[in-house]
Structures are given as C-alpha cells and as structure tokens.
Protein backbone atom coordinates (compact mmCIF):
# COMPACT_ATOMS: atom_id res chain seq x y z
CA UNK A 1 114.05 96.10 109.45
CA UNK A 2 114.88 93.41 106.92
CA UNK A 3 115.28 93.42 103.11
CA UNK A 4 111.96 93.54 101.25
CA UNK A 5 112.90 94.08 97.59
CA UNK A 6 116.07 93.93 95.51
CA UNK A 7 116.83 95.71 92.26
CA UNK A 8 119.20 93.91 89.89
CA UNK A 9 121.26 95.30 87.04
CA UNK A 10 122.35 92.24 85.16
CA UNK A 11 123.21 89.74 87.90
CA UNK A 12 124.36 92.33 90.44
CA UNK A 13 122.15 93.64 93.24
CA UNK A 14 122.21 97.40 92.68
CA UNK A 15 119.90 98.49 95.48
CA UNK A 16 117.90 96.99 98.34
CA UNK A 17 114.80 98.29 100.09
CA UNK A 18 114.16 97.39 103.73
CA UNK A 19 111.03 97.29 105.85
CA UNK A 20 108.80 95.46 108.31
CA UNK A 21 105.38 93.79 108.02
CA UNK A 22 102.59 92.86 110.45
CA UNK A 23 99.59 90.63 109.67
CA UNK A 24 96.95 90.63 112.44
CA UNK A 25 93.43 89.21 112.76
CA UNK A 26 90.46 91.07 114.20
CA UNK A 27 90.88 89.31 117.55
CA UNK A 28 94.34 90.82 117.92
CA UNK A 29 96.43 87.75 117.06
CA UNK A 30 99.68 88.35 115.20
CA UNK A 31 99.36 85.82 112.39
CA UNK A 32 102.50 86.57 110.41
CA UNK A 33 105.29 89.09 110.45
CA UNK A 34 108.57 90.04 108.84
CA UNK A 35 111.15 92.31 110.41
CA UNK A 36 109.80 94.10 113.48
CA UNK A 37 105.96 94.08 113.55
CA UNK A 38 106.09 96.64 116.37
CA UNK A 39 107.95 99.25 114.36
CA UNK A 40 106.37 102.63 115.07
CA UNK A 41 105.52 104.54 111.90
CA UNK A 42 103.22 107.31 110.73
CA UNK A 43 100.28 105.97 108.75
CA UNK A 44 100.13 109.14 106.67
CA UNK A 45 97.26 108.76 104.16
CA UNK A 46 96.67 105.16 105.21
CA UNK A 47 94.88 106.73 108.20
CA UNK A 48 92.12 108.27 106.08
CA UNK A 49 89.48 105.54 106.55
CA UNK A 50 89.92 105.97 110.31
CA UNK A 51 89.72 109.76 110.01
CA UNK A 52 86.39 109.46 108.18
CA UNK A 53 84.97 106.96 110.68
CA UNK A 54 83.62 109.26 113.44
CA UNK A 55 81.87 111.46 110.86
CA UNK A 56 80.16 108.45 109.30
CA UNK A 57 79.43 106.94 112.72
CA UNK A 58 77.63 110.12 113.79
CA UNK A 59 75.36 109.95 110.74
CA UNK A 60 77.22 112.51 108.62
CA UNK A 61 76.76 110.61 105.38
CA UNK A 62 72.99 110.57 105.84
CA UNK A 63 72.89 114.16 107.14
CA UNK A 64 74.47 115.48 103.94
CA UNK A 65 73.03 112.80 101.66
CA UNK A 66 76.47 111.49 100.67
CA UNK A 67 76.69 108.97 97.87
CA UNK A 68 79.02 105.98 98.12
CA UNK A 69 81.42 107.83 95.79
CA UNK A 70 81.53 110.74 98.21
CA UNK A 71 82.22 108.48 101.19
CA UNK A 72 85.05 106.87 99.20
CA UNK A 73 86.50 110.27 98.28
CA UNK A 74 86.51 111.15 101.99
CA UNK A 75 89.01 108.27 102.44
CA UNK A 76 91.04 109.02 99.34
CA UNK A 77 94.38 110.14 98.08
CA UNK A 78 92.80 111.02 94.76
CA UNK A 79 94.80 111.97 91.68
CA UNK A 80 92.81 115.12 90.81
CA UNK A 81 91.12 113.63 87.79
CA UNK A 82 87.92 115.35 86.64
CA UNK A 83 85.83 112.74 88.48
CA UNK A 84 87.55 113.75 91.71
CA UNK A 85 87.22 117.49 91.19
CA UNK A 86 83.56 117.15 90.21
CA UNK A 87 82.80 114.97 93.23
CA UNK A 88 84.51 117.17 95.82
CA UNK A 89 82.72 120.25 94.42
CA UNK A 90 79.39 118.42 94.70
CA UNK A 91 80.20 117.51 98.31
CA UNK A 92 81.01 121.12 99.17
CA UNK A 93 77.77 122.33 97.58
CA UNK A 94 75.78 119.86 99.72
CA UNK A 95 77.58 120.92 102.88
CA UNK A 96 77.43 124.65 102.18
CA UNK A 97 81.16 125.33 102.25
CA UNK A 98 83.68 126.64 99.73
CA UNK A 99 87.05 125.19 98.82
CA UNK A 100 88.67 128.27 100.37
CA UNK A 101 87.54 126.84 103.72
CA UNK A 102 89.96 123.93 103.21
CA UNK A 103 93.30 124.39 104.96
CA UNK A 104 95.29 122.03 102.75
CA UNK A 105 97.60 123.57 100.19
CA UNK A 106 97.14 123.06 96.45
CA UNK A 107 99.41 120.87 94.34
CA UNK A 108 99.69 119.61 90.77
CA UNK A 109 97.40 116.76 89.65
CA UNK A 110 98.60 113.18 89.72
CA UNK A 111 96.19 112.37 86.91
CA UNK A 112 98.14 112.54 83.64
CA UNK A 113 95.31 114.06 81.58
CA UNK A 114 94.70 116.89 84.04
CA UNK A 115 98.41 117.42 84.61
CA UNK A 116 98.89 118.01 80.87
CA UNK A 117 95.92 120.39 80.86
CA UNK A 118 97.24 122.36 83.84
CA UNK A 119 100.67 122.73 82.19
CA UNK A 120 99.37 123.57 78.69
CA UNK A 121 96.78 126.08 79.93
CA UNK A 122 98.99 127.49 82.70
CA UNK A 123 96.31 126.77 85.30
CA UNK A 124 97.08 127.57 88.92
CA UNK A 125 95.95 124.63 91.08
CA UNK A 126 93.48 125.40 93.86
CA UNK A 127 92.88 123.65 97.18
CA UNK A 128 90.50 121.11 95.67
CA UNK A 129 93.46 119.83 93.63
CA UNK A 130 95.06 118.55 96.81
CA UNK A 131 94.72 114.76 96.94
CA UNK A 132 93.39 115.13 100.51
CA UNK A 133 90.60 117.56 99.59
CA UNK A 134 87.93 114.90 100.11
CA UNK A 135 89.18 114.21 103.63
CA UNK A 136 89.28 117.92 104.48
CA UNK A 137 85.84 118.49 103.02
CA UNK A 138 84.35 115.80 105.26
CA UNK A 139 86.21 117.11 108.30
CA UNK A 140 84.54 120.46 107.65
CA UNK A 141 81.21 118.71 107.10
CA UNK A 142 81.61 116.99 110.47
CA UNK A 143 82.31 120.33 112.16
CA UNK A 144 79.41 122.07 110.46
CA UNK A 145 76.99 119.26 111.29
CA UNK A 146 77.84 119.65 114.98
CA UNK A 147 77.84 123.45 114.96
CA UNK A 148 81.58 123.63 115.66
CA UNK A 149 84.07 126.25 114.42
CA UNK A 150 85.41 125.78 110.90
CA UNK A 151 88.39 128.11 111.04
CA UNK A 152 90.49 125.89 113.33
CA UNK A 153 89.20 122.44 112.32
CA UNK A 154 92.76 121.06 112.02
CA UNK A 155 93.87 122.03 115.53
CA UNK A 156 94.66 119.09 117.81
CA UNK A 157 92.33 120.52 120.44
CA UNK A 158 89.38 120.90 118.03
CA UNK A 159 86.55 118.49 118.97
CA UNK A 160 86.68 116.94 115.49
CA UNK A 161 90.35 116.06 115.80
CA UNK A 162 89.87 114.81 119.38
CA UNK A 163 87.04 112.59 118.12
CA UNK A 164 89.24 111.24 115.33
CA UNK A 165 92.13 110.50 117.69
CA UNK A 166 89.87 108.74 120.20
CA UNK A 167 88.24 106.65 117.47
CA UNK A 168 91.57 105.74 115.89
CA UNK A 169 93.05 104.70 119.25
CA UNK A 170 89.99 102.61 120.08
CA UNK A 171 90.05 100.85 116.70
CA UNK A 172 93.77 100.07 117.07
CA UNK A 173 93.45 99.09 120.75
CA UNK A 174 96.10 101.49 121.92
CA UNK A 175 95.91 104.20 124.56
CA UNK A 176 95.52 107.56 122.87
CA UNK A 177 98.40 108.92 124.98
CA UNK A 178 100.65 106.38 123.25
CA UNK A 179 99.73 107.60 119.76
CA UNK A 180 102.48 109.91 118.49
CA UNK A 181 101.05 112.94 116.70
CA UNK A 182 102.58 114.75 113.75
CA UNK A 183 101.49 117.12 110.99
CA UNK A 184 100.69 115.53 107.65
CA UNK A 185 101.56 116.91 104.21
CA UNK A 186 98.03 118.33 103.98
CA UNK A 187 98.39 120.04 107.40
CA UNK A 188 95.99 117.68 109.21
CA UNK A 189 97.09 115.78 112.33
CA UNK A 190 98.54 112.35 111.64
CA UNK A 191 99.31 109.33 113.80
CA UNK A 192 102.28 107.04 114.42
CA UNK A 193 101.65 103.66 116.08
CA UNK A 194 103.24 100.20 115.92
CA UNK A 195 102.52 98.31 112.71
CA UNK A 196 100.75 95.68 114.81
CA UNK A 197 98.18 98.20 116.03
CA UNK A 198 97.63 99.74 112.61
CA UNK A 199 97.02 96.29 111.16
CA UNK A 200 94.67 95.45 114.03
CA UNK A 201 92.70 98.63 113.38
CA UNK A 202 92.22 97.70 109.74
CA UNK A 203 91.27 94.12 110.64
CA UNK A 204 88.55 95.48 112.92
CA UNK A 205 87.43 97.92 110.23
CA UNK A 206 86.88 94.94 107.92
CA UNK A 207 85.43 92.70 110.63
CA UNK A 208 83.63 94.94 113.15
CA UNK A 209 81.78 92.15 114.93
CA UNK A 210 82.90 93.28 118.40
CA UNK A 211 82.15 96.97 117.88
CA UNK A 212 79.02 98.89 118.80
CA UNK A 213 76.17 98.72 116.29
CA UNK A 214 76.72 102.32 115.18
CA UNK A 215 80.47 101.92 114.69
CA UNK A 216 80.12 98.54 112.99
CA UNK A 217 77.59 100.03 110.56
CA UNK A 218 79.94 102.95 109.86
CA UNK A 219 82.87 100.58 109.23
CA UNK A 220 80.77 98.64 106.73
CA UNK A 221 79.70 101.84 104.96
CA UNK A 222 83.32 102.91 104.58
CA UNK A 223 84.71 99.57 103.39
CA UNK A 224 81.74 99.05 101.06
CA UNK A 225 82.21 102.52 99.55
CA UNK A 226 85.95 102.02 99.04
CA UNK A 227 85.38 98.62 97.43
CA UNK A 228 82.55 99.88 95.21
CA UNK A 229 84.40 103.02 94.08
CA UNK A 230 88.14 102.38 94.23
CA UNK A 231 88.63 104.90 91.43
CA UNK A 232 87.66 107.54 94.01
CA UNK A 233 90.18 106.25 96.54
CA UNK A 234 93.04 106.78 94.08
CA UNK A 235 92.39 106.70 90.30
CA UNK A 236 91.78 104.32 87.43
CA UNK A 237 94.99 102.40 86.73
CA UNK A 238 96.61 103.18 90.09
CA UNK A 239 97.57 100.18 92.22
CA UNK A 240 95.15 100.68 95.11
CA UNK A 241 92.27 101.02 92.67
CA UNK A 242 93.23 98.01 90.57
CA UNK A 243 93.81 95.77 93.60
CA UNK A 244 90.40 96.61 95.03
CA UNK A 245 88.81 96.02 91.62
CA UNK A 246 90.38 92.56 91.47
CA UNK A 247 89.49 91.94 95.12
CA UNK A 248 85.79 92.33 94.28
CA UNK A 249 84.74 93.67 97.67
CA UNK A 250 86.95 91.38 99.74
CA UNK A 251 90.15 93.45 99.83
CA UNK A 252 90.53 97.06 100.98
CA UNK A 253 93.79 98.95 100.65
CA UNK A 254 95.08 102.47 101.20
CA UNK A 255 98.55 103.74 100.47
CA UNK A 256 100.35 106.25 102.62
CA UNK A 257 103.32 108.51 101.97
CA UNK A 258 106.88 107.56 102.91
CA UNK A 259 106.47 103.86 102.28
CA UNK A 260 103.40 102.98 104.36
CA UNK A 261 100.66 100.63 103.14
CA UNK A 262 97.62 99.19 104.87
CA UNK A 263 95.45 96.33 103.58
CA UNK A 264 92.28 94.80 104.96
CA UNK A 265 90.93 91.34 104.16
CA UNK A 266 87.27 90.61 104.76
CA UNK A 267 86.24 87.56 106.81
CA UNK A 268 86.52 84.42 104.73
CA UNK A 269 89.44 85.51 102.55
CA UNK A 270 92.09 83.59 104.54
CA UNK A 271 90.04 82.44 107.52
CA UNK A 272 86.88 83.16 109.46
CA UNK A 273 88.08 86.52 110.82
CA UNK A 274 88.97 89.77 109.15
CA UNK A 275 92.70 90.40 108.72
CA UNK A 276 94.70 93.61 108.63
CA UNK A 277 98.14 94.06 107.09
CA UNK A 278 100.42 97.04 107.67
CA UNK A 279 103.94 97.53 106.43
CA UNK A 280 106.54 100.26 106.25
CA UNK A 281 109.38 100.71 103.76
CA UNK A 282 112.17 102.50 105.58
CA UNK A 283 113.51 104.58 102.68
CA UNK A 284 110.04 105.99 101.94
CA UNK A 285 109.59 104.23 98.58
CA UNK A 286 109.62 107.53 96.70
CA UNK A 287 107.56 107.32 93.52
CA UNK A 288 108.90 108.46 90.16
CA UNK A 289 107.23 109.87 87.06
CA UNK A 290 107.36 107.84 83.89
CA UNK A 291 107.15 109.10 80.33
CA UNK A 292 103.39 108.65 80.67
CA UNK A 293 103.39 111.39 83.35
CA UNK A 294 102.04 108.88 85.84
CA UNK A 295 103.56 108.18 89.25
CA UNK A 296 105.05 104.72 89.86
CA UNK A 297 106.02 103.28 93.24
CA UNK A 298 108.73 100.63 93.18
CA UNK A 299 108.21 98.68 96.41
CA UNK A 300 104.73 98.91 97.93
CA UNK A 301 102.69 97.39 95.08
CA UNK A 302 105.17 94.53 94.63
CA UNK A 303 105.39 93.89 98.38
CA UNK A 304 101.59 93.97 98.74
CA UNK A 305 101.16 91.40 95.99
CA UNK A 306 103.82 89.13 97.46
CA UNK A 307 102.19 89.31 100.90
CA UNK A 308 98.80 88.43 99.41
CA UNK A 309 100.38 85.64 97.34
CA UNK A 310 101.98 84.10 100.42
CA UNK A 311 98.71 84.41 102.35
CA UNK A 312 96.84 82.84 99.40
CA UNK A 313 94.50 85.82 99.42
CA UNK A 314 94.83 86.15 95.64
CA UNK A 315 94.68 83.31 93.14
CA UNK A 316 96.95 82.87 90.12
CA UNK A 317 94.48 84.56 87.78
CA UNK A 318 94.20 87.61 90.01
CA UNK A 319 97.96 87.84 90.42
CA UNK A 320 98.41 87.61 86.66
CA UNK A 321 95.96 90.47 86.17
CA UNK A 322 98.09 92.64 88.45
CA UNK A 323 101.50 91.43 87.23
CA UNK A 324 102.52 94.85 85.86
CA UNK A 325 102.86 95.90 89.53
CA UNK A 326 104.97 92.90 90.63
CA UNK A 327 105.99 90.96 92.64
CA UNK A 328 108.76 90.56 90.01
CA UNK A 329 109.20 93.14 87.26
CA UNK A 330 111.50 93.56 84.30
CA UNK A 331 113.42 96.84 84.14
CA UNK A 332 114.08 98.40 80.77
CA UNK A 333 115.98 101.55 79.84
CA UNK A 334 114.74 104.41 77.67
CA UNK A 335 115.69 102.51 74.52
CA UNK A 336 113.61 99.53 75.61
CA UNK A 337 116.59 97.29 76.40
CA UNK A 338 116.22 94.85 79.31
CA UNK A 339 118.68 95.98 81.99
CA UNK A 340 117.60 94.01 85.03
CA UNK A 341 114.69 93.23 87.28
CA UNK A 342 113.20 93.94 90.67
CA UNK A 343 111.95 91.18 92.95
CA UNK A 344 110.63 90.75 96.46
CA UNK A 345 112.85 88.70 98.77
CA UNK A 346 110.95 88.17 102.01
CA UNK A 347 109.09 85.28 103.58
CA UNK A 348 106.41 85.84 106.19
CA UNK A 349 106.91 83.94 109.42
C-alpha cells in the first residue's frame, strides 16, 4: 500500500490515506497500477452488478417485466429517497413478495430529505430502507422464478448464492475456491479477491465480447441500466451518480464500503477494449455527515477522478463539472475560513 491522498492544515500534512490500484483491460492485461494490484480485498457493494448478473442472464428481468430503473436498483446502494422506496415496492409487487421477506436489516436513510422526515415524524425504518433492498429483492425474485426456497436465500449453499459465486468467479477469471467469502453489512455473502481480478471482472462486464451470447446480453442490460439511471444506483448529487451522468453511458462505477471502488470504461474510452479499475483505501475511507445531512467520502471520489484524469478518460470540461469531489479540494472550518486542502498524490505506473 502506498499513499493515495494527503490532507493539509496550512502547509503541514495532517493525515495520509493509503491504498492500491489496478487498471486492467478485458483481455486480462494489467495496464496500470499503483501499490499492490494483487491486494486481496472485499468488494462489498461494488459486487452488486455481479450479484445481479445471473438473475438477468436467466431472463429474470423479462420474466418480471423489470424496467431499466428496476435493473439499476438491483445493483444499487441507494440512499432511500422516495424514488428508491417507490421503485423497490413496485418490484416486490411484480414479484409477489413482501418486504418482510428481505433478510437485510433496516437503517436510516442516506437521502437528506427522507432522513429529516424520519427524524421529525419519528418513523421507524423498515427493511426497504436498507440501501441493499433492491439487491435483496432481486435475489428473492431469482429464487421465486426458479421455484427455490425463499426463507434461506442468503445461505452460501442456496442455489442462488452458488450461482452468484460461480458467475462472479467466471467473470473475474479466478477459481471459485480462491474467492474468500464473508458476510456483508446487509447479511448477504460477499467476496474478497485480488484487485486485479475485480478490475478484470468489471472490464469484461463493460466489454463482454468473449462471453456467451446470453451473458454478454445480460452484461449490456446491466451496464446500460446503470448508465441510464445512475440516480437509482446511488442518488442525485452522490458521486457515483454524477460521474455516470458526466460519463454519458461510457463510464460505470459502483462504490463499496470500507474504501473499495470499482469503475468500468466502455470500449473506445481509452482504447479499443473495455477497461476495469479497482482500488482499495486501507483505512476504509469512512464517510462523514455534513451540515446538509449528506454523507461525504474524502478519498474515493478524489482518487477516482485522478485515475480517470491520468488515463485521459475524462476531459477538462468533465473534470471541472465534478471538481467539488476532487482531485484537489479546499477545506474550510465551520466559520468558513480556509484551513487547508486535500490532494491526491499518486501516479499510475
């Protein structure tokens, strides 16, 4: 692990965040790296597009007449805005399940408007409030479509989870026995693999030319849905959403907890092949709430923009549009006084 971002107070470095980066094309070539590109890390929510893939590949979206918004929500860490709650309820009505069937726990909204409402009206969050409720809903849809049990859909031995693990390992070109399993914050199984393999999996998701027709079509449905409805993947104003808006269908991204981020570049963005990028911030890049009641991550947005700047995947106009996220940011105190800055300090090799 090497330094990724420094935080200055005046002219003194007050804190440093470390991490590693892997940039891989869809043929499996390591194009660029920083630190150790073979660092093993849990993808956390960055795995969600892969977790949705076998359901979509088996025709689940057509079976339940999913819209693109609903496919996107299946891959999301949504912020529990009204658009997210309305969409997940509509999905559950189509499938014929209830939110009580979900085995993720409830939590407070990330959306500032709904968070204020929950606090003012003393509302008790339900399972649909969980930012993984779209993923869980589609896991249940997958099980129901195949006539499989719903009550243990999160168990490692459940056919749905076996299907997800097999698909993930195949996409990342790693033996499934070498994928380390853990339990995610939403209680679903999660995967730890080298950054190289995670990046390769995303490159192939964006450029599925070597995959079977059914899997290639499913990959395109997922990336197209995420690009068309990034507000469902996170929320309006959140970094993942705004980057995909600026990317205009050519950039896919999905944040994960504890400092993980995955990015996919469509063929033609920096070369003929699709490209995947995966990186891990070792300290977890814990987000903080601002006075606006919105969550702000310090490292991942800035690091993502610096990676894309160095790769020339974003032009100056696009970078300017996203400048509130980095790569360099002014830091001001509660009185509005300039106290320092944060800046990325890595160079891809």
